[in-house]
Amino acid sequence: MKEQIPRAGNAAADDQASDAPVTFTLAGIGSGPKKTIPLELGGVVWVMVFGVVAANVGWTAGEAVVMSALVNSGAAQVAATDLWATPPPMFTIWFTTALVSLRYLVLGASLRPWLGQISPIRAYGSLFTLTDPSWALAFLEYLSGRRDAGFLLGSGLALISSWSIGRALGITIGNVLPDPEAWSLDFMPTAIFVALVAGLWRGKDDALPWLAAGIVSILVHAFMPGPWYVPLGAMAGLIAGLVAERRLHAS
């Protein structure tokens, strides 16, 4: 059953949810993996494909697993793999992956009302495991009124573990899998994330930031080389969201 998300205009529900105390429990950590099972199953297929790509550039299974555990961004890992050469252009890889990962500044900031109420070691430890899917699930938890911040850590650890296993399998089987682009398997993480984000829609008040982010991303992607469309699209959505919130509170 689809979870009901409080509407932006329901002030009483929003105030009641925001006043609920924030906790960080083992039960919350355990609930994260349970809700990520569908994502883990779908994600494993994609990361196996990524493992094949990594094998083609000469990585070992151990190197791919370590990268999966330390770099919790599929987009950054794909970018690094695409740029890999001998010797590797380290500055180019670093700069490109930094640009791609700028969106985590926005994702992390959106979780501050939740993580800002727990100890720094728990908050930053949870943020280390932050991925796009775990952020979307955690944000849905928060909007639904549940306040156990352990959910973010549990979901993040579950996704990282399953993806690490998938990458090791992909490296192991090498070139057995078909070309990921020929089967459109490389689009799987994007499709999963879009499906999750769709659940965050609260009504017409969300239209402005969503449209702003989408339009700016498309225009930047069309006219600027590189991954600039990611941070610039996110920034456009953030600014439009602030404008929409001010209009909402002023009315």
Protein backbone atom coordinates (compact mmCIF):
# COMPACT_ATOMS: atom_id res chain seq x y z
CA MET A 1 0.00 0.00 0.00
CA LYS A 2 1.35 3.40 -0.94
CA GLU A 3 2.31 5.55 2.02
CA GLN A 4 0.36 8.77 2.47
CA ILE A 5 2.62 11.81 2.52
CA PRO A 6 1.42 14.91 4.37
CA ARG A 7 0.32 17.68 2.03
CA ALA A 8 2.20 20.94 2.12
CA GLY A 9 -0.96 22.78 3.09
CA ASN A 10 -1.78 20.56 6.05
CA ALA A 11 -0.14 22.70 8.70
CA ALA A 12 -1.47 20.72 11.67
CA ALA A 13 -0.07 17.43 10.36
CA ASP A 14 3.25 19.08 9.50
CA ASP A 15 3.56 20.68 12.96
CA GLN A 16 2.68 17.42 14.72
CA ALA A 17 5.26 15.48 12.68
CA SER A 18 7.98 18.09 13.21
CA ASP A 19 7.42 18.04 17.00
CA ALA A 20 7.93 14.27 17.26
CA PRO A 21 11.20 13.38 19.05
CA VAL A 22 14.03 12.02 16.92
CA THR A 23 15.53 8.69 17.97
CA PHE A 24 18.35 6.45 16.76
CA THR A 25 17.72 2.80 17.63
CA LEU A 26 18.72 -0.70 16.53
CA ALA A 27 15.10 -1.24 15.52
CA GLY A 28 15.37 1.73 13.16
CA ILE A 29 18.62 0.44 11.71
CA GLY A 30 16.99 -2.96 11.19
CA SER A 31 13.97 -1.49 9.44
CA GLY A 32 16.17 0.07 6.74
CA PRO A 33 17.30 -3.18 5.06
CA LYS A 34 13.73 -4.53 5.02
CA LYS A 35 12.46 -1.62 2.93
CA THR A 36 15.43 -1.69 0.57
CA ILE A 37 14.99 -5.33 -0.52
CA PRO A 38 13.34 -4.44 -3.87
CA LEU A 39 16.09 -1.90 -4.53
CA GLU A 40 18.79 -4.38 -3.62
CA LEU A 41 17.46 -6.99 -6.03
CA GLY A 42 17.20 -4.52 -8.89
CA GLY A 43 20.45 -2.79 -8.03
CA VAL A 44 22.47 -6.00 -7.97
CA VAL A 45 21.70 -6.54 -11.66
CA TRP A 46 22.98 -3.10 -12.57
CA VAL A 47 26.13 -3.28 -10.44
CA MET A 48 26.94 -6.66 -11.98
CA VAL A 49 26.92 -4.86 -15.34
CA PHE A 50 29.18 -2.19 -13.85
CA GLY A 51 31.47 -4.97 -12.63
CA VAL A 52 31.78 -6.22 -16.20
CA VAL A 53 32.69 -2.71 -17.36
CA ALA A 54 35.26 -2.42 -14.55
CA ALA A 55 36.76 -5.76 -15.56
CA ASN A 56 37.17 -4.47 -19.10
CA VAL A 57 39.37 -1.61 -17.88
CA GLY A 58 41.53 -3.97 -15.84
CA TRP A 59 40.15 -3.75 -12.31
CA THR A 60 40.20 -6.72 -9.95
CA ALA A 61 37.21 -7.87 -7.89
CA GLY A 62 38.86 -6.56 -4.73
CA GLU A 63 39.43 -3.12 -6.22
CA ALA A 64 35.83 -2.89 -7.40
CA VAL A 65 34.46 -3.92 -3.99
CA VAL A 66 36.67 -1.41 -2.15
CA MET A 67 35.55 1.34 -4.52
CA SER A 68 31.93 0.35 -3.96
CA ALA A 69 32.36 0.57 -0.19
CA LEU A 70 34.23 3.89 -0.16
CA VAL A 71 32.56 5.78 -3.02
CA ASN A 72 28.82 5.63 -2.41
CA SER A 73 27.84 7.21 -5.71
CA GLY A 74 27.05 5.09 -8.74
CA ALA A 75 27.33 8.12 -11.04
CA ALA A 76 30.79 8.97 -9.68
CA GLN A 77 31.96 5.38 -10.09
CA VAL A 78 30.71 5.22 -13.67
CA ALA A 79 32.41 8.54 -14.44
CA ALA A 80 35.71 7.33 -12.97
CA THR A 81 35.52 4.09 -14.94
CA ASP A 82 34.78 5.90 -18.20
CA LEU A 83 37.82 8.15 -17.68
CA TRP A 84 40.15 5.36 -16.59
CA ALA A 85 43.36 4.97 -18.56
CA THR A 86 46.99 3.98 -18.05
CA PRO A 87 48.26 6.05 -16.36
CA PRO A 88 44.95 7.33 -14.95
CA PRO A 89 44.28 11.09 -15.32
CA MET A 90 43.84 11.62 -11.59
CA PHE A 91 42.92 15.32 -11.61
CA THR A 92 40.34 14.85 -14.39
CA ILE A 93 38.78 11.91 -12.54
CA TRP A 94 38.73 13.79 -9.25
CA PHE A 95 37.23 16.96 -10.74
CA THR A 96 34.56 15.10 -12.72
CA THR A 97 33.47 12.89 -9.81
CA ALA A 98 33.41 15.94 -7.52
CA LEU A 99 31.04 17.71 -9.90
CA VAL A 100 28.81 14.66 -10.20
CA SER A 101 28.69 14.29 -6.42
CA LEU A 102 27.81 17.92 -5.62
CA ARG A 103 24.17 16.87 -5.41
CA TYR A 104 24.94 15.24 -2.06
CA LEU A 105 25.34 18.70 -0.56
CA VAL A 106 21.67 19.29 -1.34
CA LEU A 107 20.58 15.79 -0.27
CA GLY A 108 22.45 16.03 3.02
CA ALA A 109 21.10 19.50 3.76
CA SER A 110 17.53 18.27 3.22
CA LEU A 111 18.05 15.73 6.03
CA ARG A 112 19.30 18.27 8.57
CA PRO A 113 15.91 18.58 10.38
CA TRP A 114 16.27 14.87 11.12
CA LEU A 115 20.01 14.26 11.55
CA GLY A 116 20.61 17.62 13.24
CA GLN A 117 18.91 16.27 16.37
CA ILE A 118 21.23 13.29 16.92
CA SER A 119 24.91 13.13 17.90
CA PRO A 120 27.48 14.16 15.27
CA ILE A 121 29.09 10.71 15.15
CA ARG A 122 25.73 9.10 14.37
CA ALA A 123 24.73 11.79 11.89
CA TYR A 124 27.99 11.84 9.93
CA GLY A 125 28.35 8.08 10.14
CA SER A 126 24.90 7.75 8.56
CA LEU A 127 25.70 10.36 5.92
CA PHE A 128 28.78 8.36 4.89
CA THR A 129 26.41 5.62 3.68
CA LEU A 130 24.10 8.09 1.90
CA THR A 131 23.05 7.12 -1.62
CA ASP A 132 20.32 8.45 -3.90
CA PRO A 133 17.89 5.57 -3.12
CA SER A 134 18.58 5.61 0.63
CA TRP A 135 18.02 9.38 0.69
CA ALA A 136 14.68 9.03 -1.09
CA LEU A 137 13.54 6.27 1.29
CA ALA A 138 14.73 8.20 4.35
CA PHE A 139 12.99 11.38 3.20
CA LEU A 140 9.77 9.44 2.73
CA GLU A 141 10.16 8.08 6.27
CA TYR A 142 10.59 11.59 7.64
CA LEU A 143 7.63 13.00 5.74
CA SER A 144 5.50 10.10 6.95
CA GLY A 145 6.13 11.14 10.56
CA ARG A 146 8.57 8.38 11.53
CA ARG A 147 11.54 9.80 13.40
CA ASP A 148 14.02 6.95 13.92
CA ALA A 149 17.16 8.26 12.19
CA GLY A 150 18.73 4.79 12.33
CA PHE A 151 16.69 4.02 9.21
CA LEU A 152 19.13 5.98 7.02
CA LEU A 153 22.15 4.06 8.32
CA GLY A 154 20.44 0.69 7.96
CA SER A 155 19.21 1.31 4.42
CA GLY A 156 22.56 2.72 3.34
CA LEU A 157 24.55 -0.22 4.72
CA ALA A 158 22.18 -2.72 3.10
CA LEU A 159 22.48 -1.09 -0.32
CA ILE A 160 26.26 -0.77 -0.12
CA SER A 161 26.59 -4.44 0.89
CA SER A 162 24.39 -5.76 -1.91
CA TRP A 163 26.04 -3.53 -4.49
CA SER A 164 29.52 -4.64 -3.39
CA ILE A 165 28.50 -8.28 -3.85
CA GLY A 166 27.04 -7.49 -7.27
CA ARG A 167 30.20 -5.77 -8.41
CA ALA A 168 32.34 -8.70 -7.31
CA LEU A 169 30.07 -11.05 -9.29
CA GLY A 170 30.25 -8.78 -12.33
CA ILE A 171 34.05 -8.73 -12.21
CA THR A 172 34.12 -12.50 -11.82
CA ILE A 173 31.94 -13.32 -14.81
CA GLY A 174 33.78 -10.74 -16.94
CA ASN A 175 32.45 -10.45 -20.45
CA VAL A 176 29.70 -13.06 -20.15
CA LEU A 177 27.03 -10.39 -19.77
CA PRO A 178 25.94 -8.49 -22.90
CA ASP A 179 26.70 -4.87 -23.61
CA PRO A 180 24.73 -2.96 -20.90
CA GLU A 181 23.71 -0.21 -23.32
CA ALA A 182 22.34 -2.72 -25.82
CA TRP A 183 19.92 -4.03 -23.16
CA SER A 184 19.35 -0.60 -21.54
CA LEU A 185 20.52 -2.03 -18.21
CA ASP A 186 22.63 1.08 -17.64
CA PHE A 187 19.38 3.04 -17.21
CA MET A 188 18.20 0.87 -14.29
CA PRO A 189 19.51 3.06 -11.41
CA THR A 190 17.96 6.15 -12.98
CA ALA A 191 14.61 4.40 -13.37
CA ILE A 192 14.68 3.22 -9.74
CA PHE A 193 15.53 6.69 -8.44
CA VAL A 194 12.81 8.38 -10.52
CA ALA A 195 10.24 5.89 -9.18
CA LEU A 196 11.29 6.69 -5.60
CA VAL A 197 11.31 10.45 -6.09
CA ALA A 198 7.81 10.30 -7.59
CA GLY A 199 6.62 9.27 -4.14
CA LEU A 200 7.82 12.61 -2.74
CA TRP A 201 5.26 14.55 -4.80
CA ARG A 202 2.99 16.46 -2.41
CA GLY A 203 0.90 18.43 -4.89
CA LYS A 204 1.05 21.39 -7.24
CA ASP A 205 3.26 23.36 -4.84
CA ASP A 206 6.12 21.01 -5.78
CA ALA A 207 5.77 21.72 -9.50
CA LEU A 208 7.99 24.84 -9.56
CA PRO A 209 11.22 23.31 -8.12
CA TRP A 210 10.75 20.07 -10.08
CA LEU A 211 10.26 21.94 -13.36
CA ALA A 212 13.14 24.33 -12.66
CA ALA A 213 15.55 21.49 -11.92
CA GLY A 214 14.45 19.51 -14.97
CA ILE A 215 14.55 22.42 -17.44
CA VAL A 216 17.93 23.72 -16.27
CA SER A 217 19.44 20.21 -16.32
CA ILE A 218 18.23 19.58 -19.87
CA LEU A 219 19.49 22.95 -21.15
CA VAL A 220 22.88 22.63 -19.47
CA HIS A 221 23.29 19.06 -20.74
CA ALA A 222 22.51 20.25 -24.27
CA PHE A 223 24.86 23.24 -24.35
CA MET A 224 27.65 22.56 -21.82
CA PRO A 225 30.09 19.62 -21.90
CA GLY A 226 30.66 17.54 -18.80
CA PRO A 227 28.42 16.75 -15.82
CA TRP A 228 27.61 20.39 -14.96
CA TYR A 229 23.91 19.66 -15.51
CA VAL A 230 23.84 17.74 -12.21
CA PRO A 231 24.89 20.49 -9.74
CA LEU A 232 23.34 23.33 -11.76
CA GLY A 233 20.01 21.50 -12.07
CA ALA A 234 20.05 20.75 -8.35
CA MET A 235 20.85 24.38 -7.55
CA ALA A 236 18.00 25.62 -9.77
CA GLY A 237 15.58 23.28 -8.03
CA LEU A 238 16.83 24.40 -4.60
CA ILE A 239 16.39 28.09 -5.40
CA ALA A 240 12.95 27.50 -6.91
CA GLY A 241 11.98 25.46 -3.85
CA LEU A 242 12.98 28.29 -1.52
CA VAL A 243 10.90 30.73 -3.58
CA ALA A 244 7.93 28.36 -3.49
CA GLU A 245 8.22 27.93 0.30
CA ARG A 246 8.31 31.69 0.86
CA ARG A 247 5.23 32.15 -1.28
CA LEU A 248 3.45 29.38 0.62
CA HIS A 249 4.21 30.91 4.02
CA ALA A 250 3.36 34.41 2.83
CA SER A 251 -0.10 33.35 1.61
